[in-house]
N, C-alpha and C. Protein backbone atom coordinates (compact mmCIF):
# COMPACT_ATOMS: atom_id res chain seq x y z
N UNK A 1 97.60 93.81 119.88
CA UNK A 1 98.32 94.91 120.46
C UNK A 1 99.33 95.41 119.45
N UNK A 2 99.66 96.64 119.51
CA UNK A 2 100.56 97.27 118.57
C UNK A 2 99.93 98.55 118.06
N UNK A 3 100.54 99.12 117.06
CA UNK A 3 100.05 100.37 116.50
C UNK A 3 99.30 100.09 115.20
N UNK A 4 98.01 100.36 115.15
CA UNK A 4 97.29 100.12 113.90
C UNK A 4 97.76 101.08 112.81
N UNK A 5 97.82 100.59 111.60
CA UNK A 5 98.19 101.41 110.46
C UNK A 5 96.95 101.55 109.59
N UNK A 6 96.55 102.79 109.33
CA UNK A 6 95.41 103.03 108.43
C UNK A 6 95.94 103.02 107.00
N UNK A 7 95.26 102.29 106.14
CA UNK A 7 95.70 102.15 104.75
C UNK A 7 94.54 102.47 103.82
N UNK A 8 94.83 103.29 102.82
CA UNK A 8 93.86 103.64 101.80
C UNK A 8 94.44 103.23 100.45
N UNK A 9 93.68 102.44 99.69
CA UNK A 9 94.13 102.07 98.34
C UNK A 9 93.75 103.18 97.37
N UNK A 10 94.71 103.63 96.58
CA UNK A 10 94.49 104.70 95.61
C UNK A 10 94.55 104.12 94.20
N UNK A 11 93.77 104.65 93.29
CA UNK A 11 93.78 104.14 91.91
C UNK A 11 95.07 104.53 91.19
N UNK A 12 95.46 103.70 90.21
CA UNK A 12 96.59 104.02 89.35
C UNK A 12 96.13 103.88 87.90
N UNK A 13 96.94 104.39 86.99
CA UNK A 13 96.59 104.32 85.58
C UNK A 13 97.13 103.09 84.87
N UNK A 14 97.83 102.24 85.61
CA UNK A 14 98.44 101.05 85.00
C UNK A 14 97.86 99.78 85.60
N UNK A 15 97.50 98.85 84.73
CA UNK A 15 97.01 97.55 85.20
C UNK A 15 98.14 96.82 85.90
N UNK A 16 97.85 96.22 87.04
CA UNK A 16 98.85 95.46 87.76
C UNK A 16 99.72 96.28 88.68
N UNK A 17 99.45 97.58 88.78
CA UNK A 17 100.19 98.46 89.70
C UNK A 17 99.20 98.98 90.73
N UNK A 18 99.52 98.74 91.99
CA UNK A 18 98.65 99.16 93.10
C UNK A 18 99.37 100.19 93.94
N UNK A 19 98.62 101.13 94.48
CA UNK A 19 99.21 102.17 95.33
C UNK A 19 98.41 102.26 96.62
N UNK A 20 99.14 102.30 97.72
CA UNK A 20 98.52 102.39 99.04
C UNK A 20 99.14 103.57 99.80
N UNK A 21 98.30 104.31 100.52
CA UNK A 21 98.79 105.40 101.38
C UNK A 21 98.51 105.03 102.83
N UNK A 22 99.50 105.25 103.69
CA UNK A 22 99.36 104.93 105.11
C UNK A 22 99.35 106.21 105.93
N UNK A 23 98.96 106.07 107.19
CA UNK A 23 98.91 107.21 108.09
C UNK A 23 100.23 107.42 108.85
N UNK A 24 101.28 106.73 108.42
CA UNK A 24 102.59 106.93 109.05
C UNK A 24 103.68 106.74 108.02
N UNK A 25 104.79 107.41 108.25
CA UNK A 25 105.93 107.30 107.35
C UNK A 25 106.72 106.03 107.67
N UNK A 26 107.06 105.27 106.65
CA UNK A 26 107.83 104.05 106.86
C UNK A 26 109.30 104.23 106.52
N UNK A 27 109.62 105.23 105.68
CA UNK A 27 111.00 105.41 105.24
C UNK A 27 111.59 106.77 105.56
N UNK A 28 110.85 107.64 106.20
CA UNK A 28 111.35 109.00 106.36
C UNK A 28 111.33 109.68 105.00
N UNK A 29 112.45 110.30 104.60
CA UNK A 29 112.52 110.99 103.32
C UNK A 29 113.17 110.14 102.23
N UNK A 30 113.49 108.88 102.54
CA UNK A 30 114.18 108.04 101.57
C UNK A 30 113.24 107.18 100.75
N UNK A 31 113.74 106.78 99.57
CA UNK A 31 113.03 105.83 98.71
C UNK A 31 113.62 104.46 98.95
N UNK A 32 112.79 103.45 99.00
CA UNK A 32 113.24 102.06 99.12
C UNK A 32 112.61 101.25 98.01
N UNK A 33 113.44 100.53 97.26
CA UNK A 33 112.94 99.69 96.16
C UNK A 33 113.37 98.26 96.39
N UNK A 34 112.45 97.35 96.15
CA UNK A 34 112.70 95.92 96.35
C UNK A 34 112.19 95.16 95.14
N UNK A 35 112.92 94.12 94.74
CA UNK A 35 112.51 93.27 93.61
C UNK A 35 112.38 91.83 94.07
N UNK A 36 111.39 91.14 93.55
CA UNK A 36 111.21 89.72 93.85
C UNK A 36 112.45 88.96 93.42
N UNK A 37 112.86 87.98 94.21
CA UNK A 37 114.03 87.19 93.89
C UNK A 37 115.32 87.75 94.44
N UNK A 38 115.27 88.97 94.99
CA UNK A 38 116.44 89.60 95.60
C UNK A 38 116.24 89.59 97.11
N UNK A 39 117.24 89.16 97.85
CA UNK A 39 117.13 89.09 99.31
C UNK A 39 116.88 90.47 99.89
N UNK A 40 115.94 90.56 100.81
CA UNK A 40 115.64 91.81 101.50
C UNK A 40 116.38 91.77 102.83
N UNK A 41 117.41 92.60 102.95
CA UNK A 41 118.22 92.65 104.17
C UNK A 41 117.63 93.69 105.12
N UNK A 42 117.92 93.54 106.39
CA UNK A 42 117.53 94.55 107.37
C UNK A 42 116.22 94.23 108.07
N UNK A 43 115.97 94.97 109.15
CA UNK A 43 114.76 94.79 109.94
C UNK A 43 113.99 96.08 110.15
N UNK A 44 114.25 97.07 109.30
CA UNK A 44 113.48 98.31 109.37
C UNK A 44 112.07 98.06 108.87
N UNK A 45 111.11 98.89 109.22
CA UNK A 45 109.74 98.67 108.77
C UNK A 45 109.58 98.45 107.27
N UNK A 46 110.26 99.23 106.39
CA UNK A 46 110.06 98.95 104.96
C UNK A 46 110.62 97.58 104.55
N UNK A 47 111.71 97.14 105.18
CA UNK A 47 112.28 95.83 104.88
C UNK A 47 111.33 94.71 105.28
N UNK A 48 110.78 94.82 106.49
CA UNK A 48 109.85 93.80 106.99
C UNK A 48 108.61 93.75 106.10
N UNK A 49 108.08 94.91 105.74
CA UNK A 49 106.89 94.96 104.90
C UNK A 49 107.17 94.33 103.53
N UNK A 50 108.29 94.67 102.92
CA UNK A 50 108.63 94.10 101.60
C UNK A 50 108.73 92.58 101.69
N UNK A 51 109.38 92.06 102.73
CA UNK A 51 109.49 90.61 102.89
C UNK A 51 108.11 89.96 103.00
N UNK A 52 107.24 90.56 103.80
CA UNK A 52 105.89 90.00 103.97
C UNK A 52 105.10 90.01 102.66
N UNK A 53 105.24 91.08 101.89
CA UNK A 53 104.53 91.16 100.61
C UNK A 53 105.05 90.12 99.63
N UNK A 54 106.37 89.94 99.57
CA UNK A 54 106.94 88.92 98.67
C UNK A 54 106.58 87.51 99.13
N UNK A 55 106.53 87.28 100.44
CA UNK A 55 106.16 85.96 100.96
C UNK A 55 104.74 85.59 100.55
N UNK A 56 103.87 86.57 100.43
CA UNK A 56 102.49 86.33 100.01
C UNK A 56 102.46 85.78 98.59
N UNK A 57 103.40 86.23 97.76
CA UNK A 57 103.46 85.76 96.38
C UNK A 57 102.70 86.68 95.43
N UNK A 58 103.06 86.60 94.16
CA UNK A 58 102.38 87.40 93.15
C UNK A 58 102.85 88.84 93.05
N UNK A 59 103.89 89.22 93.80
CA UNK A 59 104.40 90.59 93.81
C UNK A 59 105.75 90.62 93.10
N UNK A 60 105.91 91.53 92.12
CA UNK A 60 107.16 91.65 91.37
C UNK A 60 108.08 92.70 91.98
N UNK A 61 107.53 93.88 92.31
CA UNK A 61 108.35 94.95 92.90
C UNK A 61 107.56 95.68 93.98
N UNK A 62 108.30 96.25 94.91
CA UNK A 62 107.72 97.08 95.97
C UNK A 62 108.55 98.35 96.04
N UNK A 63 107.89 99.50 96.02
CA UNK A 63 108.56 100.78 96.18
C UNK A 63 107.88 101.50 97.34
N UNK A 64 108.66 101.96 98.30
CA UNK A 64 108.10 102.64 99.47
C UNK A 64 108.79 104.00 99.59
N UNK A 65 107.99 105.04 99.70
CA UNK A 65 108.50 106.39 99.92
C UNK A 65 107.63 107.04 100.98
N UNK A 66 108.17 107.24 102.15
CA UNK A 66 107.39 107.81 103.25
C UNK A 66 106.24 106.88 103.59
N UNK A 67 105.02 107.33 103.41
CA UNK A 67 103.84 106.52 103.70
C UNK A 67 103.15 106.03 102.44
N UNK A 68 103.83 106.13 101.28
CA UNK A 68 103.26 105.71 100.01
C UNK A 68 103.92 104.40 99.57
N UNK A 69 103.11 103.39 99.29
CA UNK A 69 103.61 102.07 98.90
C UNK A 69 103.05 101.76 97.52
N UNK A 70 103.95 101.50 96.56
CA UNK A 70 103.55 101.12 95.21
C UNK A 70 103.98 99.68 94.98
N UNK A 71 103.04 98.85 94.55
CA UNK A 71 103.29 97.43 94.35
C UNK A 71 102.98 97.09 92.90
N UNK A 72 103.94 96.44 92.24
CA UNK A 72 103.70 95.94 90.89
C UNK A 72 103.51 94.44 90.99
N UNK A 73 102.38 93.97 90.50
CA UNK A 73 102.08 92.55 90.55
C UNK A 73 102.88 91.80 89.49
N UNK A 74 103.22 90.55 89.78
CA UNK A 74 103.97 89.72 88.83
C UNK A 74 103.16 89.48 87.57
N UNK A 75 101.86 89.23 87.73
CA UNK A 75 100.96 89.03 86.60
C UNK A 75 99.69 89.82 86.85
N UNK A 76 99.49 90.92 86.12
CA UNK A 76 98.27 91.71 86.32
C UNK A 76 97.02 90.85 86.15
N UNK A 77 96.08 91.04 87.06
CA UNK A 77 94.84 90.27 87.04
C UNK A 77 93.68 91.25 87.07
N UNK A 78 93.01 91.36 85.98
CA UNK A 78 91.92 92.33 85.87
C UNK A 78 90.77 92.05 86.83
N UNK A 79 90.63 90.81 87.28
CA UNK A 79 89.50 90.48 88.15
C UNK A 79 89.69 91.02 89.57
N UNK A 80 90.90 91.43 89.90
CA UNK A 80 91.15 91.97 91.23
C UNK A 80 91.48 90.92 92.26
N UNK A 81 91.53 89.65 91.88
CA UNK A 81 91.81 88.60 92.87
C UNK A 81 93.26 88.60 93.33
N UNK A 82 94.17 89.02 92.48
CA UNK A 82 95.60 88.98 92.83
C UNK A 82 95.92 89.90 94.00
N UNK A 83 95.28 91.05 94.06
CA UNK A 83 95.66 92.01 95.10
C UNK A 83 94.97 91.77 96.44
N UNK A 84 94.11 90.79 96.53
CA UNK A 84 93.43 90.56 97.80
C UNK A 84 94.44 90.19 98.88
N UNK A 85 94.31 90.80 100.02
CA UNK A 85 95.19 90.52 101.14
C UNK A 85 96.37 91.46 101.28
N UNK A 86 96.70 92.22 100.25
CA UNK A 86 97.85 93.12 100.35
C UNK A 86 97.60 94.25 101.35
N UNK A 87 96.41 94.81 101.31
CA UNK A 87 96.08 95.90 102.24
C UNK A 87 96.18 95.41 103.68
N UNK A 88 95.72 94.20 103.95
CA UNK A 88 95.76 93.65 105.31
C UNK A 88 97.20 93.42 105.77
N UNK A 89 98.08 93.02 104.86
CA UNK A 89 99.49 92.83 105.22
C UNK A 89 100.08 94.16 105.66
N UNK A 90 99.75 95.23 104.95
CA UNK A 90 100.27 96.56 105.31
C UNK A 90 99.68 97.00 106.65
N UNK A 91 98.37 96.80 106.83
CA UNK A 91 97.72 97.21 108.07
C UNK A 91 98.29 96.49 109.29
N UNK A 92 98.74 95.25 109.12
CA UNK A 92 99.25 94.45 110.23
C UNK A 92 100.75 94.65 110.50
N UNK A 93 101.38 95.60 109.83
CA UNK A 93 102.82 95.79 109.97
C UNK A 93 103.26 95.95 111.42
N UNK A 94 102.53 96.71 112.22
CA UNK A 94 102.91 96.96 113.60
C UNK A 94 102.08 96.18 114.61
N UNK A 95 101.38 95.17 114.18
CA UNK A 95 100.59 94.34 115.09
C UNK A 95 101.49 93.21 115.58
N UNK A 96 101.84 93.25 116.85
CA UNK A 96 102.80 92.29 117.39
C UNK A 96 102.15 91.09 118.06
N UNK A 97 100.98 91.28 118.63
CA UNK A 97 100.34 90.18 119.34
C UNK A 97 99.06 89.81 118.62
N UNK A 98 98.98 88.59 118.20
CA UNK A 98 97.83 88.09 117.49
C UNK A 98 97.12 87.04 118.35
N UNK A 99 95.86 86.75 118.09
CA UNK A 99 95.15 85.73 118.87
C UNK A 99 95.92 84.40 118.86
N UNK A 100 96.03 83.79 120.03
CA UNK A 100 96.72 82.52 120.16
C UNK A 100 98.22 82.62 120.38
N UNK A 101 98.77 83.84 120.30
CA UNK A 101 100.21 84.04 120.52
C UNK A 101 100.41 84.59 121.92
N UNK A 102 101.20 83.90 122.70
CA UNK A 102 101.49 84.34 124.07
C UNK A 102 102.52 85.47 124.06
N UNK A 103 102.22 86.61 124.69
CA UNK A 103 103.22 87.68 124.74
C UNK A 103 104.39 87.29 125.63
N UNK A 104 105.56 87.82 125.33
CA UNK A 104 106.75 87.53 126.13
C UNK A 104 106.66 88.30 127.44
N UNK A 105 107.00 87.63 128.50
CA UNK A 105 106.99 88.29 129.81
C UNK A 105 108.43 88.37 130.30
N UNK A 106 108.87 89.58 130.60
CA UNK A 106 110.21 89.79 131.12
C UNK A 106 110.13 89.82 132.65
N UNK A 107 110.94 89.00 133.34
CA UNK A 107 110.90 89.00 134.80
C UNK A 107 111.33 90.36 135.35
N UNK A 108 110.68 90.75 136.42
CA UNK A 108 110.99 92.03 137.06
C UNK A 108 112.38 91.97 137.69
N UNK A 109 113.10 93.08 137.57
CA UNK A 109 114.43 93.17 138.20
C UNK A 109 114.29 93.22 139.72
N UNK A 110 115.19 92.53 140.39
CA UNK A 110 115.10 92.52 141.86
C UNK A 110 116.12 93.43 142.47
């Protein structure tokens, strides 16, 4: 359950730099930049996404502008193995209920 995010990976001219476009804006008109090793404060969608990408590992920087996400890998890998799973992390940003997780039930007001 939640809002699915459509993600398209776009080519870049630099090895180790990945670009993804989403069907929704994550930052409005602002730019958000995050670096590995720096605490990501806040609970806005770009903050949550950056934390999830860094938790996966292998990510050096994340830049988000509207619905465009640019990721620089810590170590470029020509085989393409390093970037596996990044698209799925972005797609799952608004997925709140996963298999095996019980949804919270709020008691009805009397």
